[in-house]
Amino acid sequence: MIFIFNSDIYSQLLSQHQPRIIKTEEENEKFLETVEELLSRSHLTPEEDALLELLVKLIEDFEDKHYQLNSSTSYSRLLHLIEARGLGQADLVEILGSSKIVTKIMNSELEITKKQAEALGKFFHVEASLFIC
């Protein structure tokens, strides 16, 4: 199946959400809500995926500047994304390989591998580097 990117639809999404450099906590919260709403969908159009990627980048830039994200861990970032999408550990079994691996990662007993990070990044529509220490 080939997805065709529709510039008109993307322009409408940009007009609706008006993404821009985030300067206030209120703007950050607004874009976080949009990201969470997009993440809650089971399937995104190519245009929605592009908007999601843009918003995540803007949020990351704001939070890198205003928060100490270095104190967060790959586990805490994964946990946040799981909670934002209303998922459970069972939803990660297919992505990470087995329920035993998921349990060990969720208990901080096992580091996420590069291959697993790439699979998680694809699944959550975020950069794989979020899951690598």
Protein backbone atom coordinates (compact mmCIF):
# COMPACT_ATOMS: atom_id res chain seq x y z
CA MET A 1 0.00 0.00 0.00
CA ILE A 2 1.45 3.37 -1.01
CA PHE A 3 0.46 6.49 0.85
CA ILE A 4 0.46 9.73 -1.08
CA PHE A 5 1.22 12.91 0.83
CA ASN A 6 -1.47 15.51 0.13
CA SER A 7 -0.10 19.05 0.52
CA ASP A 8 -3.57 20.56 0.68
CA ILE A 9 -4.60 18.36 3.60
CA TYR A 10 -1.28 19.07 5.36
CA SER A 11 -1.81 22.81 4.82
CA GLN A 12 -5.24 22.51 6.43
CA LEU A 13 -3.74 20.71 9.43
CA LEU A 14 -1.05 23.37 9.75
CA SER A 15 -3.68 26.09 9.55
CA GLN A 16 -5.82 24.36 12.16
CA HIS A 17 -3.01 23.71 14.68
CA GLN A 18 -0.67 26.60 13.79
CA PRO A 19 2.58 24.98 14.94
CA ARG A 20 5.35 27.43 15.81
CA ILE A 21 8.35 27.80 18.08
CA ILE A 22 7.01 27.19 21.60
CA LYS A 23 7.72 30.06 23.97
CA THR A 24 5.35 29.48 26.89
CA GLU A 25 4.23 26.59 29.04
CA GLU A 26 0.66 27.15 27.82
CA GLU A 27 1.71 26.72 24.20
CA ASN A 28 3.65 23.60 25.15
CA GLU A 29 0.61 22.13 26.93
CA LYS A 30 -1.60 22.90 23.91
CA PHE A 31 0.75 21.07 21.55
CA LEU A 32 1.17 18.20 24.02
CA GLU A 33 -2.61 17.73 23.99
CA THR A 34 -2.57 17.60 20.19
CA VAL A 35 0.27 15.06 20.23
CA GLU A 36 -1.56 12.88 22.74
CA GLU A 37 -4.73 13.06 20.64
CA LEU A 38 -2.80 12.00 17.54
CA LEU A 39 -1.03 9.21 19.44
CA SER A 40 -4.37 7.88 20.63
CA ARG A 41 -5.40 7.08 17.05
CA SER A 42 -4.70 3.64 15.69
CA HIS A 43 -3.78 4.88 12.21
CA LEU A 44 -2.50 8.26 11.08
CA THR A 45 -2.59 9.68 7.59
CA PRO A 46 0.78 10.70 6.14
CA GLU A 47 -0.21 14.33 6.72
CA GLU A 48 -1.11 13.68 10.39
CA ASP A 49 2.14 11.79 10.83
CA ALA A 50 4.09 14.77 9.44
CA LEU A 51 2.24 17.12 11.81
CA LEU A 52 2.94 14.78 14.73
CA GLU A 53 6.63 14.68 13.87
CA LEU A 54 6.77 18.49 13.67
CA LEU A 55 4.95 18.97 16.98
CA VAL A 56 7.15 16.42 18.76
CA LYS A 57 10.24 18.28 17.50
CA LEU A 58 8.88 21.64 18.69
CA ILE A 59 8.00 20.17 22.09
CA GLU A 60 11.41 18.52 22.40
CA ASP A 61 13.14 21.80 21.59
CA PHE A 62 11.07 23.69 24.19
CA GLU A 63 11.54 21.05 26.87
CA ASP A 64 15.27 20.71 26.18
CA LYS A 65 15.56 24.43 26.79
CA HIS A 66 13.25 24.67 29.82
CA TYR A 67 13.46 21.28 31.55
CA GLN A 68 16.24 18.97 32.53
CA LEU A 69 15.24 16.05 30.35
CA ASN A 70 18.62 14.51 30.96
CA SER A 71 17.23 13.40 34.31
CA SER A 72 14.57 11.40 32.50
CA THR A 73 15.32 7.87 31.48
CA SER A 74 14.46 5.81 28.46
CA TYR A 75 12.12 3.90 30.78
CA SER A 76 10.32 7.07 31.98
CA ARG A 77 9.89 8.27 28.38
CA LEU A 78 8.52 4.89 27.35
CA LEU A 79 6.17 4.86 30.34
CA HIS A 80 4.88 8.32 29.44
CA LEU A 81 4.14 7.28 25.86
CA ILE A 82 2.43 4.08 27.02
CA GLU A 83 0.21 6.06 29.41
CA ALA A 84 -0.52 8.76 26.80
CA ARG A 85 -1.85 6.11 24.41
CA GLY A 86 -3.69 4.15 27.09
CA LEU A 87 -1.62 1.03 26.42
CA GLY A 88 -0.45 -1.79 28.63
CA GLN A 89 2.66 -3.95 28.72
CA ALA A 90 0.93 -6.59 26.59
CA ASP A 91 0.73 -4.07 23.73
CA LEU A 92 4.54 -3.98 23.57
CA VAL A 93 5.14 -7.73 23.33
CA GLU A 94 5.05 -7.83 19.53
CA ILE A 95 7.35 -4.80 19.31
CA LEU A 96 9.93 -5.88 21.90
CA GLY A 97 9.88 -9.64 21.30
CA SER A 98 8.41 -11.30 24.37
CA SER A 99 6.48 -10.62 27.55
CA LYS A 100 9.62 -11.51 29.55
CA ILE A 101 11.62 -8.80 27.76
CA VAL A 102 8.81 -6.26 28.21
CA THR A 103 8.63 -7.03 31.94
CA LYS A 104 12.40 -6.70 32.37
CA ILE A 105 12.47 -3.39 30.48
CA MET A 106 9.50 -2.04 32.43
CA ASN A 107 11.21 -3.04 35.70
CA SER A 108 14.44 -1.31 34.58
CA GLU A 109 16.23 -4.66 34.68
CA LEU A 110 17.11 -4.60 30.98
CA GLU A 111 18.28 -1.80 28.69
CA ILE A 112 16.46 -1.17 25.43
CA THR A 113 18.55 -2.25 22.44
CA LYS A 114 19.05 -0.12 19.36
CA LYS A 115 16.80 -2.44 17.33
CA GLN A 116 14.07 -2.28 20.00
CA ALA A 117 14.44 1.52 20.20
CA GLU A 118 13.94 1.78 16.44
CA ALA A 119 10.82 -0.41 16.65
CA LEU A 120 9.46 1.66 19.55
CA GLY A 121 10.21 4.89 17.70
CA LYS A 122 8.31 3.67 14.66
CA PHE A 123 5.40 2.46 16.79
CA PHE A 124 5.10 5.71 18.78
CA HIS A 125 6.06 8.01 15.85
CA VAL A 126 9.02 9.49 17.74
CA GLU A 127 12.80 9.45 17.43
CA ALA A 128 14.37 6.14 18.42
CA SER A 129 17.00 8.06 20.40
CA LEU A 130 14.38 8.72 23.10
CA PHE A 131 14.72 5.08 24.15
CA ILE A 132 18.50 4.83 24.17
CA CYS A 133 20.53 5.81 27.23
